[in-house]
Amino acid sequence: MTKELALSRRGLLIGATQAAAVFGLLRPSSAAETLPKMVVTRDPNCGCCGNWVEHVKAAGFPVEVVEVVDVGPLKLKLGVPDALASCHTAEIGGYVLEGHVPAQAIKRLFAERPKVTGLAVAGMPVGSPGMEVQGQPPDTYDVVVFSAGRQNVFARYRGLQQL
């Protein structure tokens, strides 16, 4: 009977060691899926900016909000082209996000990691994240990938739906 108890203890120790190893292996992949912190600079009087912040938070992004009266100097410093300017600017993981960029497009940006400045949704299209208007159909709009002197369509959306 003592022998059976010793084997059980050994089995328990081996099992515990294996479980610890499995959990140790799972932890790094979970950490790799953690989304980077986003710093959003916005005008405190803009309601749609707050709605967009809620959209990206709901998608899992940790967000810090900085409120300033004039976001223009930051846009200039970060290289946001005038034609792509919108109401708020975000910095995340070495990229710039301008305007109402869908969280799905941001996640794709991090999955692909292109060598670009960032993504932008020019203006404030109805139906883009944070710009939903009850009873009004969403606009079709482009998410533009940009770098110095270069702009290309990264994705096309209607509301939150990628086309």
Protein backbone atom coordinates (compact mmCIF):
# COMPACT_ATOMS: atom_id res chain seq x y z
CA MET A 1 0.00 0.00 0.00
CA THR A 2 2.91 2.33 0.73
CA LYS A 3 4.24 1.67 -2.75
CA GLU A 4 0.93 2.71 -4.35
CA LEU A 5 0.94 5.94 -2.36
CA ALA A 6 4.50 6.71 -3.49
CA LEU A 7 3.55 6.14 -7.11
CA SER A 8 0.56 8.41 -6.72
CA ARG A 9 2.74 11.16 -5.28
CA ARG A 10 5.19 10.74 -8.13
CA GLY A 11 2.34 10.82 -10.64
CA LEU A 12 0.94 13.91 -8.99
CA LEU A 13 4.34 15.64 -9.14
CA ILE A 14 4.83 14.71 -12.78
CA GLY A 15 1.33 15.86 -13.63
CA ALA A 16 1.83 19.16 -11.80
CA THR A 17 5.13 19.73 -13.60
CA GLN A 18 3.52 19.03 -16.98
CA ALA A 19 0.61 21.35 -16.20
CA ALA A 20 3.01 24.12 -15.21
CA ALA A 21 4.93 23.63 -18.45
CA VAL A 22 1.74 23.79 -20.52
CA PHE A 23 0.58 26.97 -18.80
CA GLY A 24 4.05 28.44 -19.21
CA LEU A 25 3.91 27.75 -22.95
CA LEU A 26 0.45 29.26 -23.29
CA ARG A 27 1.35 32.51 -21.58
CA PRO A 28 3.69 33.92 -24.31
CA SER A 29 1.13 33.43 -27.08
CA SER A 30 -1.48 35.24 -24.99
CA ALA A 31 0.96 38.09 -24.46
CA ALA A 32 1.62 38.24 -28.21
CA GLU A 33 -2.10 38.83 -28.74
CA THR A 34 -2.18 41.80 -26.34
CA LEU A 35 -2.97 44.96 -28.26
CA PRO A 36 -0.66 47.96 -27.86
CA LYS A 37 -1.72 51.07 -25.96
CA MET A 38 -3.21 53.84 -28.06
CA VAL A 39 -2.84 57.55 -27.24
CA VAL A 40 -5.68 59.55 -28.77
CA THR A 41 -5.34 63.32 -29.03
CA ARG A 42 -8.66 65.06 -29.50
CA ASP A 43 -10.60 68.25 -29.04
CA PRO A 44 -12.56 68.02 -25.76
CA ASN A 45 -15.64 69.51 -27.47
CA CYS A 46 -15.94 66.79 -30.11
CA GLY A 47 -18.50 64.09 -29.26
CA CYS A 48 -17.75 61.81 -32.19
CA CYS A 49 -14.13 61.47 -31.03
CA GLY A 50 -15.36 60.07 -27.74
CA ASN A 51 -17.60 57.63 -29.62
CA TRP A 52 -14.63 56.44 -31.69
CA VAL A 53 -12.56 55.97 -28.52
CA GLU A 54 -15.36 53.76 -27.15
CA HIS A 55 -15.30 51.76 -30.43
CA VAL A 56 -11.57 50.98 -30.18
CA LYS A 57 -11.82 50.24 -26.44
CA ALA A 58 -14.65 47.78 -27.15
CA ALA A 59 -12.30 46.09 -29.66
CA GLY A 60 -9.74 45.54 -26.89
CA PHE A 61 -7.34 48.45 -27.33
CA PRO A 62 -6.12 50.12 -24.14
CA VAL A 63 -6.57 53.86 -24.69
CA GLU A 64 -5.22 57.04 -23.13
CA VAL A 65 -7.00 60.24 -24.16
CA VAL A 66 -5.23 63.61 -24.34
CA GLU A 67 -7.49 66.62 -24.83
CA VAL A 68 -6.16 69.72 -26.56
CA VAL A 69 -7.91 72.64 -28.22
CA ASP A 70 -5.83 72.43 -31.42
CA VAL A 71 -4.74 69.02 -32.73
CA GLY A 72 -3.23 70.64 -35.86
CA PRO A 73 0.37 70.93 -34.62
CA LEU A 74 0.42 67.23 -33.68
CA LYS A 75 -0.91 66.24 -37.13
CA LEU A 76 1.86 68.28 -38.73
CA LYS A 77 4.53 66.77 -36.47
CA LEU A 78 3.33 63.20 -37.20
CA GLY A 79 3.13 63.71 -40.97
CA VAL A 80 -0.63 63.51 -41.49
CA PRO A 81 -1.37 64.88 -44.99
CA ASP A 82 -3.85 67.79 -45.03
CA ALA A 83 -6.13 65.89 -47.42
CA LEU A 84 -6.51 63.08 -44.86
CA ALA A 85 -7.08 65.25 -41.79
CA SER A 86 -10.00 64.50 -39.52
CA CYS A 87 -11.08 65.39 -35.99
CA HIS A 88 -8.68 63.29 -33.87
CA THR A 89 -5.24 61.72 -34.15
CA ALA A 90 -3.97 58.59 -32.42
CA GLU A 91 -0.50 57.12 -31.93
CA ILE A 92 -0.12 53.39 -31.46
CA GLY A 93 2.84 51.04 -31.76
CA GLY A 94 4.83 53.37 -34.03
CA TYR A 95 1.85 54.13 -36.29
CA VAL A 96 -0.43 57.14 -36.67
CA LEU A 97 -4.20 56.80 -36.95
CA GLU A 98 -6.15 59.74 -38.30
CA GLY A 99 -9.91 59.97 -37.97
CA HIS A 100 -12.56 57.29 -37.72
CA VAL A 101 -10.49 54.22 -38.63
CA PRO A 102 -12.33 50.94 -37.87
CA ALA A 103 -10.72 48.75 -35.19
CA GLN A 104 -10.71 45.84 -37.68
CA ALA A 105 -8.43 47.84 -40.01
CA ILE A 106 -6.12 48.74 -37.09
CA LYS A 107 -5.80 45.06 -36.16
CA ARG A 108 -5.00 44.24 -39.79
CA LEU A 109 -2.32 46.96 -39.77
CA PHE A 110 -0.64 45.24 -36.81
CA ALA A 111 -0.99 41.79 -38.36
CA GLU A 112 0.69 42.94 -41.60
CA ARG A 113 3.08 45.56 -40.14
CA PRO A 114 3.76 47.50 -43.37
CA LYS A 115 6.48 50.16 -43.37
CA VAL A 116 4.12 53.15 -43.45
CA THR A 117 3.28 56.15 -41.31
CA GLY A 118 -0.27 55.04 -40.62
CA LEU A 119 -3.94 54.80 -41.54
CA ALA A 120 -6.53 57.51 -42.08
CA VAL A 121 -10.20 57.99 -42.79
CA ALA A 122 -10.49 61.47 -44.25
CA GLY A 123 -13.27 63.70 -43.00
CA MET A 124 -16.10 62.26 -40.96
CA PRO A 125 -18.08 59.75 -43.08
CA VAL A 126 -21.53 58.89 -41.77
CA GLY A 127 -21.55 55.36 -40.40
CA SER A 128 -17.81 55.16 -39.74
CA PRO A 129 -17.00 54.21 -36.12
CA GLY A 130 -18.16 57.05 -33.90
CA MET A 131 -20.12 58.70 -36.71
CA GLU A 132 -23.21 56.49 -36.67
CA VAL A 133 -26.40 58.48 -37.29
CA GLN A 134 -29.67 56.74 -36.46
CA GLY A 135 -31.95 56.47 -39.48
CA GLN A 136 -29.25 57.46 -41.95
CA PRO A 137 -27.55 54.86 -44.16
CA PRO A 138 -23.76 54.61 -43.78
CA ASP A 139 -21.45 56.12 -46.38
CA THR A 140 -18.90 54.06 -48.28
CA TYR A 141 -15.43 55.28 -47.37
CA ASP A 142 -11.78 54.38 -47.80
CA VAL A 143 -9.24 53.61 -45.12
CA VAL A 144 -6.05 55.05 -46.58
CA VAL A 145 -2.55 53.87 -45.75
CA PHE A 146 -0.08 56.75 -45.93
CA SER A 147 3.61 57.59 -45.76
CA ALA A 148 5.57 60.64 -46.82
CA GLY A 149 4.38 61.43 -50.36
CA ARG A 150 2.43 58.16 -50.69
CA GLN A 151 -1.24 57.27 -50.19
CA ASN A 152 -3.07 54.08 -51.14
CA VAL A 153 -6.40 52.52 -50.32
CA PHE A 154 -5.87 49.97 -47.54
CA ALA A 155 -9.53 48.92 -47.28
CA ARG A 156 -13.01 50.09 -48.25
CA TYR A 157 -15.88 50.10 -45.76
CA ARG A 158 -19.57 50.84 -45.58
CA GLY A 159 -20.24 51.54 -41.92
CA LEU A 160 -18.33 48.87 -39.99
CA GLN A 161 -18.56 46.37 -42.85
CA GLN A 162 -15.45 45.90 -44.99
CA LEU A 163 -16.35 45.66 -48.68
